[in-house]
C-alpha cells in the first residue's frame, strides 16, 4: 500500500521528472530498442537467404511439347525440370507437378 500512496503522490505532484529519473528510463529503453532493431535486421537477412535458396531450386521451364486447344481426359507434358500431369474431372482441370 505504501507504494500505491507514493505513486499517487507522484501523480498529484506538480514537480517534473528529475534528470536522474530520465537517464535511468533511457538506460532501460535504449538497449531494448537496439535488440529489437537487431532482431528485425536478422529476420530480414534470413528471409532474403530463404528466398534466394528457393529461387535457385526452381526448375527452368523449357517445354518439349506444345499443348493447345481444350484439355480433356488426362495427359502429361515433360520438360527439363520434370513432368506436369493433368486430369479433367467434373469440368475442373487439376495439374500435378512430378
N, C-alpha and C. Protein backbone atom coordinates (compact mmCIF):
# COMPACT_ATOMS: atom_id res chain seq x y z
N UNK A 1 0.81 -1.19 0.00
CA UNK A 1 0.00 0.00 0.00
C UNK A 1 0.86 1.27 0.00
N UNK A 2 2.03 1.16 0.60
CA UNK A 2 2.90 2.32 0.65
C UNK A 2 3.33 2.73 -0.76
N UNK A 3 3.57 1.72 -1.61
CA UNK A 3 3.97 2.01 -2.98
C UNK A 3 2.84 2.73 -3.72
N UNK A 4 1.62 2.32 -3.48
CA UNK A 4 0.47 2.96 -4.14
C UNK A 4 0.35 4.41 -3.70
N UNK A 5 0.54 4.67 -2.38
CA UNK A 5 0.48 6.05 -1.90
C UNK A 5 1.56 6.91 -2.54
N UNK A 6 2.78 6.33 -2.65
CA UNK A 6 3.87 7.08 -3.28
C UNK A 6 3.57 7.35 -4.76
N UNK A 7 2.97 6.38 -5.43
CA UNK A 7 2.62 6.54 -6.84
C UNK A 7 1.59 7.65 -7.01
N UNK A 8 0.52 7.64 -6.18
CA UNK A 8 -0.50 8.68 -6.29
C UNK A 8 0.05 10.05 -5.90
N UNK A 9 0.95 10.06 -4.91
CA UNK A 9 1.58 11.32 -4.52
C UNK A 9 2.40 11.88 -5.68
N UNK A 10 3.11 11.01 -6.37
CA UNK A 10 3.92 11.42 -7.52
C UNK A 10 3.01 11.95 -8.64
N UNK A 11 1.88 11.29 -8.88
CA UNK A 11 0.97 11.72 -9.93
C UNK A 11 0.31 13.06 -9.61
N UNK A 12 0.02 13.32 -8.34
CA UNK A 12 -0.61 14.59 -7.96
C UNK A 12 0.40 15.73 -7.86
N UNK A 13 1.66 15.40 -7.79
CA UNK A 13 2.70 16.41 -7.64
C UNK A 13 2.83 17.25 -8.90
N UNK A 14 3.14 18.50 -8.74
CA UNK A 14 3.33 19.41 -9.86
C UNK A 14 4.78 19.46 -10.33
N UNK A 15 5.65 18.74 -9.64
CA UNK A 15 7.06 18.74 -9.99
C UNK A 15 7.30 17.82 -11.19
N UNK A 16 8.29 18.13 -11.99
CA UNK A 16 8.63 17.33 -13.15
C UNK A 16 9.58 16.19 -12.80
N UNK A 17 9.99 15.48 -13.81
CA UNK A 17 10.93 14.38 -13.64
C UNK A 17 12.33 14.96 -13.43
N UNK A 18 13.12 14.26 -12.65
CA UNK A 18 14.50 14.70 -12.46
C UNK A 18 15.35 14.15 -13.60
N UNK A 19 16.50 14.71 -13.76
CA UNK A 19 17.42 14.26 -14.81
C UNK A 19 17.84 12.81 -14.57
N UNK A 20 18.03 12.45 -13.32
CA UNK A 20 18.42 11.07 -12.98
C UNK A 20 17.33 10.08 -13.39
N UNK A 21 16.08 10.38 -13.12
CA UNK A 21 14.98 9.50 -13.50
C UNK A 21 14.89 9.35 -15.01
N UNK A 22 15.10 10.43 -15.71
CA UNK A 22 15.05 10.39 -17.18
C UNK A 22 16.18 9.54 -17.73
N UNK A 23 17.39 9.70 -17.18
CA UNK A 23 18.52 8.91 -17.65
C UNK A 23 18.33 7.42 -17.37
N UNK A 24 17.80 7.08 -16.21
CA UNK A 24 17.55 5.67 -15.89
C UNK A 24 16.49 5.07 -16.81
N UNK A 25 15.47 5.83 -17.13
CA UNK A 25 14.45 5.31 -18.04
C UNK A 25 15.03 5.10 -19.44
N UNK A 26 15.90 5.98 -19.87
CA UNK A 26 16.57 5.80 -21.16
C UNK A 26 17.52 4.60 -21.12
N UNK A 27 18.15 4.39 -19.97
CA UNK A 27 19.04 3.26 -19.81
C UNK A 27 18.30 1.93 -19.94
N UNK A 28 17.04 1.93 -19.60
CA UNK A 28 16.23 0.72 -19.73
C UNK A 28 15.68 0.59 -21.16
N UNK A 29 15.24 1.66 -21.76
CA UNK A 29 14.56 1.63 -23.06
C UNK A 29 15.53 1.42 -24.23
N UNK A 30 16.65 2.08 -24.24
CA UNK A 30 17.57 2.05 -25.38
C UNK A 30 18.10 0.65 -25.69
N UNK A 31 18.57 -0.14 -24.73
CA UNK A 31 19.03 -1.50 -25.08
C UNK A 31 17.90 -2.36 -25.67
N UNK A 32 16.69 -2.18 -25.17
CA UNK A 32 15.55 -2.91 -25.73
C UNK A 32 15.31 -2.55 -27.18
N UNK A 33 15.42 -1.28 -27.50
CA UNK A 33 15.22 -0.85 -28.89
C UNK A 33 16.35 -1.36 -29.78
N UNK A 34 17.57 -1.39 -29.28
CA UNK A 34 18.70 -1.89 -30.06
C UNK A 34 18.53 -3.38 -30.34
N UNK A 35 18.08 -4.14 -29.34
CA UNK A 35 17.85 -5.57 -29.55
C UNK A 35 16.72 -5.80 -30.55
N UNK A 36 15.66 -5.00 -30.49
CA UNK A 36 14.55 -5.12 -31.44
C UNK A 36 15.03 -4.83 -32.86
N UNK A 37 15.82 -3.78 -33.03
CA UNK A 37 16.34 -3.45 -34.36
C UNK A 37 17.24 -4.56 -34.89
N UNK A 38 18.06 -5.14 -34.03
CA UNK A 38 18.92 -6.25 -34.43
C UNK A 38 18.11 -7.47 -34.84
N UNK A 39 17.02 -7.74 -34.12
CA UNK A 39 16.16 -8.88 -34.47
C UNK A 39 15.48 -8.66 -35.82
N UNK A 40 15.07 -7.43 -36.11
CA UNK A 40 14.43 -7.13 -37.39
C UNK A 40 15.43 -7.31 -38.53
N UNK A 41 16.64 -6.84 -38.36
CA UNK A 41 17.67 -6.99 -39.40
C UNK A 41 18.00 -8.47 -39.63
N UNK A 42 18.12 -9.23 -38.55
CA UNK A 42 18.43 -10.66 -38.68
C UNK A 42 17.29 -11.40 -39.38
N UNK A 43 16.04 -11.06 -39.06
CA UNK A 43 14.90 -11.70 -39.71
C UNK A 43 14.86 -11.37 -41.20
N UNK A 44 15.16 -10.12 -41.55
CA UNK A 44 15.18 -9.73 -42.96
C UNK A 44 16.28 -10.47 -43.71
N UNK A 45 17.44 -10.63 -43.10
CA UNK A 45 18.55 -11.34 -43.73
C UNK A 45 18.22 -12.82 -43.94
N UNK A 46 17.60 -13.45 -42.95
CA UNK A 46 17.21 -14.86 -43.07
C UNK A 46 16.14 -15.01 -44.15
N UNK A 47 15.19 -14.10 -44.20
CA UNK A 47 14.14 -14.13 -45.21
C UNK A 47 14.73 -14.00 -46.62
N UNK A 48 15.70 -13.11 -46.78
CA UNK A 48 16.35 -12.94 -48.08
C UNK A 48 17.08 -14.22 -48.50
N UNK A 49 17.80 -14.82 -47.56
CA UNK A 49 18.54 -16.05 -47.87
C UNK A 49 17.59 -17.19 -48.23
N UNK A 50 16.45 -17.28 -47.54
CA UNK A 50 15.47 -18.33 -47.84
C UNK A 50 14.88 -18.14 -49.23
N UNK A 51 14.56 -16.90 -49.58
CA UNK A 51 14.00 -16.64 -50.91
C UNK A 51 15.03 -16.93 -52.01
N UNK A 52 16.28 -16.59 -51.77
CA UNK A 52 17.32 -16.84 -52.77
C UNK A 52 17.53 -18.34 -52.95
N UNK A 53 17.48 -19.10 -51.86
CA UNK A 53 17.65 -20.55 -51.95
C UNK A 53 16.49 -21.18 -52.70
N UNK A 54 15.27 -20.74 -52.45
CA UNK A 54 14.11 -21.29 -53.14
C UNK A 54 14.15 -20.96 -54.62
N UNK A 55 14.56 -19.76 -54.98
CA UNK A 55 14.60 -19.36 -56.39
C UNK A 55 15.63 -20.19 -57.15
N UNK A 56 16.74 -20.55 -56.51
CA UNK A 56 17.76 -21.33 -57.21
C UNK A 56 17.35 -22.79 -57.36
N UNK A 57 16.42 -23.27 -56.53
CA UNK A 57 15.97 -24.65 -56.62
C UNK A 57 14.86 -24.86 -57.65
N UNK A 58 14.26 -23.78 -58.13
CA UNK A 58 13.16 -23.92 -59.07
C UNK A 58 13.66 -24.44 -60.41
N UNK A 59 12.94 -25.36 -61.02
CA UNK A 59 13.37 -25.87 -62.32
C UNK A 59 13.11 -24.84 -63.41
N UNK A 60 13.95 -24.89 -64.43
CA UNK A 60 13.72 -23.99 -65.56
C UNK A 60 12.66 -24.63 -66.46
N UNK A 61 11.80 -23.83 -67.02
CA UNK A 61 10.70 -24.35 -67.83
C UNK A 61 11.08 -24.25 -69.30
N UNK A 62 11.35 -25.38 -69.88
CA UNK A 62 11.63 -25.47 -71.32
C UNK A 62 10.70 -26.56 -71.86
N UNK A 63 9.55 -26.17 -72.42
CA UNK A 63 8.59 -27.18 -72.85
C UNK A 63 9.11 -27.99 -74.03
N UNK A 64 8.82 -29.28 -74.00
CA UNK A 64 9.18 -30.15 -75.12
C UNK A 64 7.95 -30.49 -75.95
N UNK A 65 6.78 -30.20 -75.40
CA UNK A 65 5.53 -30.48 -76.10
C UNK A 65 4.63 -29.27 -75.96
N UNK A 66 4.03 -28.87 -77.05
CA UNK A 66 3.07 -27.76 -77.02
C UNK A 66 1.68 -28.32 -76.81
N UNK A 67 0.94 -27.76 -75.87
CA UNK A 67 -0.44 -28.16 -75.61
C UNK A 67 -1.32 -27.01 -76.03
N UNK A 68 -2.26 -27.28 -76.90
CA UNK A 68 -3.18 -26.23 -77.33
C UNK A 68 -4.58 -26.79 -77.40
N UNK A 69 -5.55 -25.92 -77.47
CA UNK A 69 -6.94 -26.34 -77.53
C UNK A 69 -7.47 -26.62 -76.14
N UNK A 70 -8.57 -27.34 -76.08
CA UNK A 70 -9.18 -27.65 -74.79
C UNK A 70 -8.54 -28.90 -74.20
N UNK A 71 -8.46 -28.92 -72.90
CA UNK A 71 -7.85 -30.05 -72.21
C UNK A 71 -8.97 -31.00 -71.80
N UNK A 72 -8.83 -32.23 -72.21
CA UNK A 72 -9.82 -33.24 -71.82
C UNK A 72 -9.09 -34.51 -71.42
N UNK A 73 -9.71 -35.29 -70.55
CA UNK A 73 -9.10 -36.54 -70.13
C UNK A 73 -7.89 -36.30 -69.26
N UNK A 74 -6.83 -37.04 -69.52
CA UNK A 74 -5.58 -36.90 -68.77
C UNK A 74 -4.42 -36.78 -69.75
N UNK A 75 -3.28 -36.30 -69.27
CA UNK A 75 -2.12 -36.18 -70.13
C UNK A 75 -0.90 -35.73 -69.36
N UNK A 76 0.22 -35.69 -70.06
CA UNK A 76 1.50 -35.30 -69.46
C UNK A 76 2.22 -34.34 -70.39
N UNK A 77 2.98 -33.42 -69.81
CA UNK A 77 3.90 -32.56 -70.55
C UNK A 77 5.23 -32.66 -69.83
N UNK A 78 6.27 -33.07 -70.54
CA UNK A 78 7.60 -33.20 -69.95
C UNK A 78 8.47 -32.01 -70.32
N UNK A 79 9.34 -31.62 -69.40
CA UNK A 79 10.31 -30.57 -69.66
C UNK A 79 11.54 -30.88 -68.82
N UNK A 80 12.56 -30.03 -68.91
CA UNK A 80 13.84 -30.34 -68.27
C UNK A 80 13.74 -30.43 -66.75
N UNK A 81 12.77 -29.79 -66.14
CA UNK A 81 12.66 -29.81 -64.68
C UNK A 81 11.77 -30.91 -64.15
N UNK A 82 11.04 -31.61 -64.99
CA UNK A 82 10.15 -32.66 -64.52
C UNK A 82 8.99 -32.86 -65.48
N UNK A 83 7.85 -33.25 -64.96
CA UNK A 83 6.67 -33.53 -65.76
C UNK A 83 5.45 -32.90 -65.09
N UNK A 84 4.59 -32.31 -65.90
CA UNK A 84 3.32 -31.81 -65.42
C UNK A 84 2.24 -32.74 -65.96
N UNK A 85 1.46 -33.31 -65.07
CA UNK A 85 0.35 -34.18 -65.45
C UNK A 85 -0.95 -33.43 -65.18
N UNK A 86 -1.96 -33.70 -65.99
CA UNK A 86 -3.25 -33.08 -65.75
C UNK A 86 -4.35 -34.11 -65.90
N UNK A 87 -5.46 -33.81 -65.26
CA UNK A 87 -6.65 -34.62 -65.45
C UNK A 87 -7.86 -33.70 -65.37
N UNK A 88 -8.86 -34.03 -66.13
CA UNK A 88 -10.09 -33.24 -66.19
C UNK A 88 -11.18 -34.03 -65.50
N UNK A 89 -11.61 -33.56 -64.34
CA UNK A 89 -12.65 -34.24 -63.58
C UNK A 89 -13.79 -33.28 -63.31
N UNK A 90 -14.98 -33.66 -63.70
CA UNK A 90 -16.20 -32.88 -63.45
C UNK A 90 -16.07 -31.44 -63.94
N UNK A 91 -15.43 -31.23 -65.07
CA UNK A 91 -15.29 -29.89 -65.65
C UNK A 91 -14.17 -29.07 -65.06
N UNK A 92 -13.43 -29.61 -64.08
CA UNK A 92 -12.30 -28.89 -63.48
C UNK A 92 -11.01 -29.59 -63.89
N UNK A 93 -10.02 -28.80 -64.21
CA UNK A 93 -8.73 -29.35 -64.61
C UNK A 93 -7.77 -29.25 -63.43
N UNK A 94 -7.14 -30.36 -63.07
CA UNK A 94 -6.18 -30.42 -61.98
C UNK A 94 -4.80 -30.69 -62.55
N UNK A 95 -3.80 -29.90 -62.09
CA UNK A 95 -2.42 -30.04 -62.55
C UNK A 95 -1.57 -30.61 -61.43
N UNK A 96 -0.67 -31.50 -61.76
CA UNK A 96 0.24 -32.09 -60.80
C UNK A 96 1.66 -31.98 -61.35
N UNK A 97 2.56 -31.53 -60.52
CA UNK A 97 3.97 -31.43 -60.92
C UNK A 97 4.72 -32.62 -60.33
N UNK A 98 5.43 -33.36 -61.18
CA UNK A 98 6.23 -34.50 -60.72
C UNK A 98 7.67 -34.30 -61.14
